[in-house]
C-alpha atoms as a PDB file:
ATOM      1  CA  MET A   1      -3.859  69.777 -19.152  1.00  0.00           C
ATOM      2  CA  TYR A   2      -1.802  68.569 -16.604  1.00  0.00           C
ATOM      3  CA  ASP A   3      -2.652  67.224 -13.404  1.00  0.00           C
ATOM      4  CA  SER A   4       0.431  65.895 -11.462  1.00  0.00           C
ATOM      5  CA  VAL A   5       3.646  64.886 -12.891  1.00  0.00           C
ATOM      6  CA  LEU A   6       6.407  62.450 -12.040  1.00  0.00           C
ATOM      7  CA  LEU A   7      10.487  63.074 -11.743  1.00  0.00           C
ATOM      8  CA  PRO A   8      12.512  59.801 -11.684  1.00  0.00           C
ATOM      9  CA  VAL A   9      15.545  61.875 -10.388  1.00  0.00           C
ATOM     10  CA  ASP A  10      19.630  60.005  -9.750  1.00  0.00           C
ATOM     11  CA  GLY A  11      21.608  62.974  -9.684  1.00  0.00           C
ATOM     12  CA  SER A  12      22.889  62.972 -13.772  1.00  0.00           C
ATOM     13  CA  GLU A  13      25.007  65.680 -14.900  1.00  0.00           C
ATOM     14  CA  HIS A  14      22.865  67.743 -16.567  1.00  0.00           C
ATOM     15  CA  ALA A  15      19.749  66.573 -14.155  1.00  0.00           C
ATOM     16  CA  ALA A  16      19.278  70.720 -12.935  1.00  0.00           C
ATOM     17  CA  THR A  17      18.341  70.993 -16.799  1.00  0.00           C
ATOM     18  CA  ILE A  18      15.498  68.803 -16.191  1.00  0.00           C
ATOM     19  CA  VAL A  19      14.764  69.641 -12.885  1.00  0.00           C
ATOM     20  CA  HIS A  20      13.668  72.497 -14.443  1.00  0.00           C
ATOM     21  CA  HIS A  21      11.679  72.216 -17.337  1.00  0.00           C
ATOM     22  CA  ALA A  22       9.822  70.015 -15.551  1.00  0.00           C
ATOM     23  CA  ALA A  23       9.289  72.958 -12.868  1.00  0.00           C
ATOM     24  CA  GLU A  24       8.582  75.144 -15.309  1.00  0.00           C
ATOM     25  CA  LEU A  25       5.947  72.204 -17.148  1.00  0.00           C
ATOM     26  CA  VAL A  26       4.094  71.961 -14.059  1.00  0.00           C
ATOM     27  CA  GLN A  27       3.453  75.869 -12.910  1.00  0.00           C
ATOM     28  CA  TRP A  28       2.593  76.283 -16.481  1.00  0.00           C
ATOM     29  CA  THR A  29      -0.517  73.518 -16.339  1.00  0.00           C
ATOM     30  CA  ASP A  30      -0.846  74.705 -12.734  1.00  0.00           C
ATOM     31  CA  ALA A  31       0.309  71.017 -11.678  1.00  0.00           C
ATOM     32  CA  THR A  32       2.122  69.481  -8.381  1.00  0.00           C
ATOM     33  CA  LEU A  33       5.463  67.152  -8.763  1.00  0.00           C
ATOM     34  CA  GLN A  34       6.327  63.771  -7.471  1.00  0.00           C
ATOM     35  CA  VAL A  35       9.636  63.263  -6.678  1.00  0.00           C
ATOM     36  CA  VAL A  36      10.532  59.823  -6.618  1.00  0.00           C
ATOM     37  CA  PHE A  37      14.438  57.772  -6.274  1.00  0.00           C
ATOM     38  CA  VAL A  38      14.362  54.152  -7.347  1.00  0.00           C
ATOM     39  CA  ALA A  39      16.282  51.818  -5.110  1.00  0.00           C
ATOM     40  CA  ASP A  40      17.673  49.596  -7.649  1.00  0.00           C
ATOM     41  CA  THR A  41      16.929  45.624  -5.722  1.00  0.00           C
ATOM     42  CA  THR A  42      18.975  44.428  -8.626  1.00  0.00           C
ATOM     43  CA  ARG A  43      22.428  46.038  -7.271  1.00  0.00           C
ATOM     44  CA  ASP A  44      23.905  44.574  -4.135  1.00  0.00           C
ATOM     45  CA  SER A  45      23.517  48.482  -2.159  1.00  0.00           C
ATOM     46  CA  LEU A  46      23.721  47.206   1.163  1.00  0.00           C
ATOM     47  CA  THR A  47      26.988  48.352   3.620  1.00  0.00           C
ATOM     48  CA  VAL A  48      28.167  48.735   7.021  1.00  0.00           C
ATOM     49  CA  VAL A  49      28.097  52.541   9.204  1.00  0.00           C
ATOM     50  CA  ASP A  50      29.324  53.229  12.125  1.00  0.00           C
ATOM     51  CA  GLY A  51      28.301  49.153  12.811  1.00  0.00           C
ATOM     52  CA  ASN A  52      24.725  49.315  10.897  1.00  0.00           C
ATOM     53  CA  VAL A  53      23.840  47.921   7.955  1.00  0.00           C
ATOM     54  CA  VAL A  54      21.927  50.244   5.664  1.00  0.00           C
ATOM     55  CA  ASP A  55      20.987  50.196   2.453  1.00  0.00           C
ATOM     56  CA  ALA A  56      24.224  53.309   0.362  1.00  0.00           C
ATOM     57  CA  LEU A  57      21.472  53.725  -2.639  1.00  0.00           C
ATOM     58  CA  GLU A  58      18.535  54.867  -0.566  1.00  0.00           C
ATOM     59  CA  ARG A  59      21.271  56.971   1.627  1.00  0.00           C
ATOM     60  CA  GLU A  60      22.505  59.034  -1.536  1.00  0.00           C
ATOM     61  CA  GLY A  61      18.665  58.818  -2.620  1.00  0.00           C
ATOM     62  CA  GLU A  62      18.114  61.281  -0.125  1.00  0.00           C
ATOM     63  CA  HIS A  63      20.840  63.408  -0.665  1.00  0.00           C
ATOM     64  CA  ILE A  64      19.598  63.276  -4.021  1.00  0.00           C
ATOM     65  CA  VAL A  65      15.943  63.625  -3.262  1.00  0.00           C
ATOM     66  CA  SER A  66      17.027  66.751  -1.182  1.00  0.00           C
ATOM     67  CA  ASP A  67      19.307  68.763  -3.870  1.00  0.00           C
ATOM     68  CA  VAL A  68      15.975  68.660  -6.231  1.00  0.00           C
ATOM     69  CA  ALA A  69      14.001  69.856  -3.075  1.00  0.00           C
ATOM     70  CA  ARG A  70      15.333  72.471  -2.218  1.00  0.00           C
ATOM     71  CA  THR A  71      16.100  73.699  -6.360  1.00  0.00           C
ATOM     72  CA  LEU A  72      12.082  73.126  -6.456  1.00  0.00           C
ATOM     73  CA  ASP A  73      11.981  75.241  -3.026  1.00  0.00           C
ATOM     74  CA  THR A  74      12.962  78.427  -5.131  1.00  0.00           C
ATOM     75  CA  LEU A  75      11.138  77.307  -8.056  1.00  0.00           C
ATOM     76  CA  GLY A  76       8.054  78.491  -5.928  1.00  0.00           C
ATOM     77  CA  VAL A  77       6.879  74.718  -7.687  1.00  0.00           C
ATOM     78  CA  GLU A  78       4.632  71.881  -5.142  1.00  0.00           C
ATOM     79  CA  TYR A  79       6.058  69.433  -4.740  1.00  0.00           C
ATOM     80  CA  GLY A  80       6.392  65.911  -2.724  1.00  0.00           C
ATOM     81  CA  THR A  81       8.949  63.144  -2.552  1.00  0.00           C
ATOM     82  CA  ASP A  82       9.454  60.029  -2.692  1.00  0.00           C
ATOM     83  CA  ILE A  83      12.358  56.976  -2.149  1.00  0.00           C
ATOM     84  CA  VAL A  84      11.054  53.211  -3.182  1.00  0.00           C
ATOM     85  CA  GLN A  85      12.982  50.179  -4.341  1.00  0.00           C
ATOM     86  CA  GLY A  86      12.649  48.391  -6.913  1.00  0.00           C
ATOM     87  CA  SER A  87      14.067  46.949 -10.385  1.00  0.00           C
ATOM     88  CA  PRO A  88      13.785  50.356 -12.007  1.00  0.00           C
ATOM     89  CA  ALA A  89      12.314  51.030 -15.672  1.00  0.00           C
ATOM     90  CA  PRO A  90       8.681  48.744 -13.943  1.00  0.00           C
ATOM     91  CA  THR A  91       9.151  50.332 -10.541  1.00  0.00           C
ATOM     92  CA  ILE A  92       8.859  53.662 -12.325  1.00  0.00           C
ATOM     93  CA  VAL A  93       5.744  52.595 -14.499  1.00  0.00           C
ATOM     94  CA  ASP A  94       3.891  50.686 -11.927  1.00  0.00           C
ATOM     95  CA  TYR A  95       4.360  53.998  -9.833  1.00  0.00           C
ATOM     96  CA  ALA A  96       3.576  56.280 -12.311  1.00  0.00           C
ATOM     97  CA  GLU A  97      -0.054  54.361 -13.186  1.00  0.00           C
ATOM     98  CA  ARG A  98      -0.526  52.659  -9.025  1.00  0.00           C
ATOM     99  CA  TYR A  99      -0.676  57.115  -8.251  1.00  0.00           C
ATOM    100  CA  ASP A 100      -2.329  58.515 -11.381  1.00  0.00           C
ATOM    101  CA  TYR A 101       0.150  60.569 -12.164  1.00  0.00           C
ATOM    102  CA  ASP A 102      -0.334  62.372 -16.170  1.00  0.00           C
ATOM    103  CA  LEU A 103       3.086  62.655 -17.342  1.00  0.00           C
ATOM    104  CA  ILE A 104       6.494  60.769 -16.976  1.00  0.00           C
ATOM    105  CA  VAL A 105       9.559  62.884 -17.062  1.00  0.00           C
ATOM    106  CA  LEU A 106      12.808  61.835 -18.030  1.00  0.00           C
ATOM    107  CA  PRO A 107      16.184  61.898 -19.181  1.00  0.00           C
ATOM    108  CA  THR A 108      17.396  59.524 -21.980  1.00  0.00           C
ATOM    109  CA  HIS A 109      21.088  58.981 -19.949  1.00  0.00           C
ATOM    110  CA  GLY A 110      21.741  59.018 -16.423  1.00  0.00           C
ATOM    111  CA  ARG A 111      25.441  58.719 -14.981  1.00  0.00           C
ATOM    112  CA  THR A 112      27.980  55.966 -14.290  1.00  0.00           C
ATOM    113  CA  GLY A 113      28.155  55.108 -10.942  1.00  0.00           C
ATOM    114  CA  ILE A 114      26.325  52.892  -8.493  1.00  0.00           C
ATOM    115  CA  SER A 115      22.960  54.735  -9.072  1.00  0.00           C
ATOM    116  CA  ARG A 116      22.767  54.667 -12.550  1.00  0.00           C
ATOM    117  CA  TYR A 117      19.339  53.476 -13.839  1.00  0.00           C
ATOM    118  CA  LEU A 118      18.509  56.188 -15.946  1.00  0.00           C
ATOM    119  CA  LEU A 119      20.591  54.851 -19.128  1.00  0.00           C
ATOM    120  CA  GLY A 120      18.549  55.003 -22.597  1.00  0.00           C
ATOM    121  CA  SER A 121      17.657  50.776 -22.671  1.00  0.00           C
ATOM    122  CA  VAL A 122      15.761  51.737 -18.744  1.00  0.00           C
ATOM    123  CA  THR A 123      13.812  54.908 -20.197  1.00  0.00           C
ATOM    124  CA  GLU A 124      13.252  52.864 -23.405  1.00  0.00           C
ATOM    125  CA  LYS A 125      11.728  49.570 -21.218  1.00  0.00           C
ATOM    126  CA  VAL A 126       9.361  53.058 -19.490  1.00  0.00           C
ATOM    127  CA  VAL A 127       8.769  54.398 -22.421  1.00  0.00           C
ATOM    128  CA  ARG A 128       7.933  50.631 -23.766  1.00  0.00           C
ATOM    129  CA  LEU A 129       5.442  49.967 -21.120  1.00  0.00           C
ATOM    130  CA  SER A 130       4.085  53.067 -19.197  1.00  0.00           C
ATOM    131  CA  GLU A 131       0.598  53.871 -19.987  1.00  0.00           C
ATOM    132  CA  VAL A 132       1.076  56.772 -18.741  1.00  0.00           C
ATOM    133  CA  PRO A 133       2.203  59.538 -21.368  1.00  0.00           C
ATOM    134  CA  VAL A 134       6.640  60.503 -21.059  1.00  0.00           C
ATOM    135  CA  LEU A 135       8.163  62.920 -21.553  1.00  0.00           C
ATOM    136  CA  THR A 136      12.039  62.230 -22.435  1.00  0.00           C
ATOM    137  CA  ALA A 137      14.446  64.312 -23.091  1.00  0.00           C
ATOM    138  CA  ARG A 138      18.600  64.055 -23.835  1.00  0.00           C
ATOM    139  CA  MET A 139      21.212  65.516 -21.466  1.00  0.00           C
ATOM    140  CA  ARG A 140      23.730  66.756 -23.845  1.00  0.00           C
ATOM    141  CA  ALA A 141      25.534  70.640 -22.725  1.00  0.00           C
ATOM    142  CA  ASP A 142      25.389  71.818 -26.417  1.00  0.00           C
ATOM    143  CA  GLU A 143      21.559  71.865 -26.329  1.00  0.00           C
ATOM    144  CA  GLN A 144      19.032  73.432 -24.291  1.00  0.00           C
ATOM    145  CA  LEU A 145      15.344  72.836 -23.443  1.00  0.00           C
ATOM    146  CA  ARG A 146      12.474  75.663 -24.189  1.00  0.00           C
ATOM    147  CA  PHE A 147       9.519  76.234 -22.529  1.00  0.00           C
ATOM    148  CA  PRO A 148       7.069  77.080 -23.367  1.00  0.00           C
ATOM    149  CA  TYR A 149       6.419  75.188 -26.257  1.00  0.00           C
ATOM    150  CA  GLU A 150       5.863  77.154 -29.809  1.00  0.00           C
ATOM    151  CA  ASN A 151       6.223  75.196 -32.090  1.00  0.00           C
ATOM    152  CA  ILE A 152       5.077  71.572 -31.652  1.00  0.00           C
ATOM    153  CA  LEU A 153       5.444  68.122 -33.955  1.00  0.00           C
ATOM    154  CA  VAL A 154       2.626  65.645 -34.105  1.00  0.00           C
ATOM    155  CA  PRO A 155       3.766  63.108 -36.280  1.00  0.00           C
ATOM    156  CA  THR A 156       0.430  60.511 -37.094  1.00  0.00           C
ATOM    157  CA  ASP A 157       0.287  57.166 -39.141  1.00  0.00           C
ATOM    158  CA  GLY A 158      -3.494  57.269 -38.161  1.00  0.00           C
ATOM    159  CA  SER A 159      -3.540  54.261 -36.131  1.00  0.00           C
ATOM    160  CA  PRO A 160      -4.344  54.365 -32.582  1.00  0.00           C
ATOM    161  CA  ALA A 161      -1.838  55.399 -30.542  1.00  0.00           C
ATOM    162  CA  SER A 162      -0.320  57.503 -32.706  1.00  0.00           C
ATOM    163  CA  THR A 163      -4.130  59.177 -32.629  1.00  0.00           C
ATOM    164  CA  ALA A 164      -3.577  59.695 -29.252  1.00  0.00           C
ATOM    165  CA  ALA A 165      -0.755  61.163 -29.472  1.00  0.00           C
ATOM    166  CA  ALA A 166      -2.167  63.651 -32.016  1.00  0.00           C
ATOM    167  CA  GLY A 167      -5.181  64.857 -29.591  1.00  0.00           C
ATOM    168  CA  HIS A 168      -2.411  64.863 -26.266  1.00  0.00           C
ATOM    169  CA  GLY A 169      -0.217  67.226 -28.342  1.00  0.00           C
ATOM    170  CA  LEU A 170      -3.523  69.180 -29.244  1.00  0.00           C
ATOM    171  CA  ALA A 171      -4.666  69.756 -26.030  1.00  0.00           C
ATOM    172  CA  LEU A 172      -0.883  70.737 -24.675  1.00  0.00           C
ATOM    173  CA  ALA A 173      -0.564  73.218 -27.860  1.00  0.00           C
ATOM    174  CA  ALA A 174      -4.463  74.272 -26.830  1.00  0.00           C
ATOM    175  CA  THR A 175      -3.129  75.263 -22.914  1.00  0.00           C
ATOM    176  CA  LEU A 176       0.629  76.333 -24.260  1.00  0.00           C
ATOM    177  CA  ASP A 177      -1.228  78.397 -27.549  1.00  0.00           C
ATOM    178  CA  ALA A 178       0.961  76.505 -29.662  1.00  0.00           C
ATOM    179  CA  THR A 179       1.506  76.379 -32.910  1.00  0.00           C
ATOM    180  CA  VAL A 180       0.744  72.247 -34.125  1.00  0.00           C
ATOM    181  CA  HIS A 181       2.744  70.594 -37.185  1.00  0.00           C
ATOM    182  CA  ALA A 182       1.088  67.029 -37.960  1.00  0.00           C
ATOM    183  CA  LEU A 183       3.698  65.754 -39.891  1.00  0.00           C
ATOM    184  CA  SER A 184       2.534  62.323 -41.798  1.00  0.00           C
ATOM    185  CA  VAL A 185       5.843  59.889 -43.295  1.00  0.00           C
ATOM    186  CA  VAL A 186       5.211  58.091 -46.446  1.00  0.00           C
ATOM    187  CA  ASP A 187       8.212  55.246 -45.073  1.00  0.00           C
ATOM    188  CA  ASP A 188       9.022  53.864 -48.810  1.00  0.00           C
ATOM    189  CA  THR A 189      12.265  52.566 -47.970  1.00  0.00           C
ATOM    190  CA  SER A 190      10.261  49.780 -45.684  1.00  0.00           C
ATOM    191  CA  LEU A 191       8.981  48.360 -49.318  1.00  0.00           C
ATOM    192  CA  GLY A 192      11.439  46.715 -52.320  1.00  0.00           C
ATOM    193  CA  PRO A 193      11.891  48.683 -55.708  1.00  0.00           C
ATOM    194  CA  ASP A 194       9.412  45.972 -57.381  1.00  0.00           C
ATOM    195  CA  VAL A 195       6.380  47.234 -53.827  1.00  0.00           C
ATOM    196  CA  ARG A 196       7.004  51.035 -54.494  1.00  0.00           C
ATOM    197  CA  SER A 197       6.474  50.089 -58.988  1.00  0.00           C
ATOM    198  CA  ALA A 198       3.199  48.370 -58.297  1.00  0.00           C
ATOM    199  CA  LEU A 199       1.814  50.920 -55.970  1.00  0.00           C
ATOM    200  CA  PRO A 200       0.829  54.319 -57.731  1.00  0.00           C
ATOM    201  CA  THR A 201       2.082  56.806 -55.700  1.00  0.00           C
ATOM    202  CA  ASP A 202      -1.589  58.170 -54.294  1.00  0.00           C
ATOM    203  CA  ALA A 203      -1.857  54.719 -53.192  1.00  0.00           C
ATOM    204  CA  ARG A 204       0.614  54.835 -50.390  1.00  0.00           C
ATOM    205  CA  GLU A 205       0.231  58.567 -49.992  1.00  0.00           C
ATOM    206  CA  ARG A 206      -3.485  57.899 -48.955  1.00  0.00           C
ATOM    207  CA  PRO A 207      -3.444  56.915 -45.947  1.00  0.00           C
ATOM    208  CA  ALA A 208      -1.220  60.021 -44.913  1.00  0.00           C
ATOM    209  CA  ALA A 209      -3.221  62.434 -46.123  1.00  0.00           C
ATOM    210  CA  GLU A 210      -6.313  61.352 -44.719  1.00  0.00           C
ATOM    211  CA  ALA A 211      -3.716  61.108 -40.923  1.00  0.00           C
ATOM    212  CA  VAL A 212      -2.659  64.589 -40.818  1.00  0.00           C
ATOM    213  CA  GLU A 213      -6.445  65.662 -42.172  1.00  0.00           C
ATOM    214  CA  ASP A 214      -7.595  64.424 -38.906  1.00  0.00           C
ATOM    215  CA  VAL A 215      -5.875  66.166 -36.962  1.00  0.00           C
ATOM    216  CA  ASP A 216      -6.171  68.791 -38.829  1.00  0.00           C
ATOM    217  CA  ALA A 217     -10.462  68.639 -38.317  1.00  0.00           C
ATOM    218  CA  ASP A 218      -9.571  67.066 -34.580  1.00  0.00           C
ATOM    219  CA  ALA A 219      -7.985  70.351 -33.525  1.00  0.00           C
ATOM    220  CA  ASP A 220     -11.250  72.650 -34.006  1.00  0.00           C
ATOM    221  CA  ALA A 221     -12.376  70.573 -31.279  1.00  0.00           C
ATOM    222  CA  TYR A 222      -9.634  72.971 -28.773  1.00  0.00           C
ATOM    223  CA  ASP A 223     -10.569  76.127 -30.883  1.00  0.00           C
ATOM    224  CA  LEU A 224      -6.659  75.959 -32.178  1.00  0.00           C
ATOM    225  CA  SER A 225      -6.183  78.139 -35.279  1.00  0.00           C
ATOM    226  CA  HIS A 226      -2.666  77.055 -35.989  1.00  0.00           C
ATOM    227  CA  VAL A 227      -1.906  73.677 -37.465  1.00  0.00           C
ATOM    228  CA  GLN A 228       0.450  73.142 -40.568  1.00  0.00           C
ATOM    229  CA  THR A 229       0.291  69.920 -42.452  1.00  0.00           C
ATOM    230  CA  TYR A 230       3.183  67.901 -44.350  1.00  0.00           C
ATOM    231  CA  VAL A 231       3.351  64.640 -45.652  1.00  0.00           C
ATOM    232  CA  GLU A 232       6.657  63.399 -47.046  1.00  0.00           C
ATOM    233  CA  HIS A 233       8.140  60.189 -47.932  1.00  0.00           C
ATOM    234  CA  GLY A 234      11.822  58.144 -46.486  1.00  0.00           C
ATOM    235  CA  SER A 235      12.880  57.404 -42.919  1.00  0.00           C
ATOM    236  CA  PRO A 236      10.659  58.498 -40.939  1.00  0.00           C
ATOM    237  CA  ALA A 237      13.457  58.663 -38.296  1.00  0.00           C
ATOM    238  CA  ALA A 238      15.116  60.656 -40.137  1.00  0.00           C
ATOM    239  CA  VAL A 239      12.271  63.047 -41.318  1.00  0.00           C
ATOM    240  CA  ILE A 240      10.810  63.540 -38.449  1.00  0.00           C
ATOM    241  CA  ARG A 241      14.790  64.992 -37.305  1.00  0.00           C
ATOM    242  CA  GLU A 242      14.604  66.981 -40.593  1.00  0.00           C
ATOM    243  CA  HIS A 243      11.269  68.690 -39.589  1.00  0.00           C
ATOM    244  CA  ILE A 244      12.599  69.389 -35.728  1.00  0.00           C
ATOM    245  CA  GLU A 245      15.672  71.133 -37.486  1.00  0.00           C
ATOM    246  CA  THR A 246      14.115  73.108 -40.061  1.00  0.00           C
ATOM    247  CA  ARG A 247      10.669  74.219 -38.194  1.00  0.00           C
ATOM    248  CA  ASP A 248      11.658  75.457 -34.961  1.00  0.00           C
ATOM    249  CA  ILE A 249      10.026  72.172 -33.434  1.00  0.00           C
ATOM    250  CA  ASP A 250      10.510  72.875 -29.099  1.00  0.00           C
ATOM    251  CA  ALA A 251       8.569  68.788 -28.779  1.00  0.00           C
ATOM    252  CA  VAL A 252       7.410  65.752 -30.367  1.00  0.00           C
ATOM    253  CA  VAL A 253       4.301  64.462 -29.305  1.00  0.00           C
ATOM    254  CA  MET A 254       3.497  60.719 -31.354  1.00  0.00           C
ATOM    255  CA  GLY A 255       2.432  57.545 -29.868  1.00  0.00           C
ATOM    256  CA  ALA A 256       4.569  54.404 -29.089  1.00  0.00           C
ATOM    257  CA  SER A 257       3.939  51.956 -32.027  1.00  0.00           C
ATOM    258  CA  GLY A 258       1.567  52.351 -35.206  1.00  0.00           C
ATOM    259  CA  ARG A 259       0.044  50.517 -37.796  1.00  0.00           C
ATOM    260  CA  ARG A 260       1.678  47.953 -39.458  1.00  0.00           C
ATOM    261  CA  GLY A 261       1.152  46.161 -43.303  1.00  0.00           C
ATOM    262  CA  VAL A 262       2.287  47.290 -46.313  1.00  0.00           C
ATOM    263  CA  ASP A 263       1.196  50.597 -45.783  1.00  0.00           C
ATOM    264  CA  ARG A 264       2.934  51.095 -42.163  1.00  0.00           C
ATOM    265  CA  ILE A 265       3.765  55.287 -40.880  1.00  0.00           C
ATOM    266  CA  LEU A 266       5.312  54.856 -38.067  1.00  0.00           C
ATOM    267  CA  LEU A 267       6.536  51.580 -36.271  1.00  0.00           C
ATOM    268  CA  GLY A 268       7.366  51.836 -32.025  1.00  0.00           C
ATOM    269  CA  SER A 269      11.527  51.696 -33.611  1.00  0.00           C
ATOM    270  CA  VAL A 270      10.746  54.639 -34.800  1.00  0.00           C
ATOM    271  CA  ALA A 271       9.850  56.448 -31.468  1.00  0.00           C
ATOM    272  CA  GLU A 272      12.528  55.027 -29.687  1.00  0.00           C
ATOM    273  CA  LYS A 273      14.613  56.674 -32.002  1.00  0.00           C
ATOM    274  CA  THR A 274      13.510  59.815 -31.792  1.00  0.00           C
ATOM    275  CA  VAL A 275      13.914  59.557 -28.491  1.00  0.00           C
ATOM    276  CA  ARG A 276      17.473  58.628 -28.297  1.00  0.00           C
ATOM    277  CA  SER A 277      17.620  61.137 -31.628  1.00  0.00           C
ATOM    278  CA  ALA A 278      15.816  64.107 -30.917  1.00  0.00           C
ATOM    279  CA  PRO A 279      17.883  67.127 -29.539  1.00  0.00           C
ATOM    280  CA  VAL A 280      14.139  68.624 -28.163  1.00  0.00           C
ATOM    281  CA  PRO A 281      11.717  66.436 -25.751  1.00  0.00           C
ATOM    282  CA  VAL A 282       9.793  64.012 -26.754  1.00  0.00           C
ATOM    283  CA  ILE A 283       6.699  63.140 -24.945  1.00  0.00           C
ATOM    284  CA  THR A 284       5.150  59.002 -26.521  1.00  0.00           C
ATOM    285  CA  VAL A 285       2.001  58.592 -25.674  1.00  0.00           C
ATOM    286  CA  HIS A 286       0.270  54.964 -25.646  1.00  0.00           C
ATOM    287  CA  GLU A 287      -3.261  53.969 -27.034  1.00  0.00           C
ATOM    288  CA  ARG A 288      -4.876  53.674 -23.830  1.00  0.00           C
ATOM    289  CA  SER A 289      -3.221  57.471 -21.958  1.00  0.00           C
END
């Protein structure tokens, strides 16, 4: 499933949680892990130590990467480390694509202070820009990341991006022997009352039903027998969140953009809302991934 995984780090308060989660993922899939720290060149980080000009961020990055390396050593994970300079989001994206990583793992917030860069806005930029799938996870004290995933939610609207995401989700479920929950949401909230009344319910539901049926059909190629399908009405982000809570979902795999038009089901903004709010890991996939 994965051969190599990229883990950008910044020493966030709950960094140990995301490190452990990434370690479990690469061990299960027999992948290698690359730990990278980005010294943010958009900040003034040069200082003088013992008469020498040094980059405070790079020095801090060395300590952070060393701490992560010690944790990975105890977990028996094969890994590499790197410290690079650049603007965080594009640097992470470029690094992942240049070295052909299969997955980027990011928390959805970072710490405050001189090296803060894994903020929601930066993570969301990576989600939007990266052709490499991105796993994001909220780092909150009252939430835990479960692995291996037993239930994977795959929101779909039949668009190229959601179709690519569905394939990714099916492959991951096959690797983990997980149940796939294919969900398509008819976004009635985006239509005015006149449009809703003019379009028969069957006409609005047909694309959604076809989208989940396609996921179910594609599951045969992955030898998956545990696929459940749902067609719901409402606000996509809200329905996705409801399914996470009511279906005991461990992870979400979804397209980073969706189909436009009167029958649209998912948009890129829905993916970003899900990344911000989901209490479980969210893997976002672009069409070409």
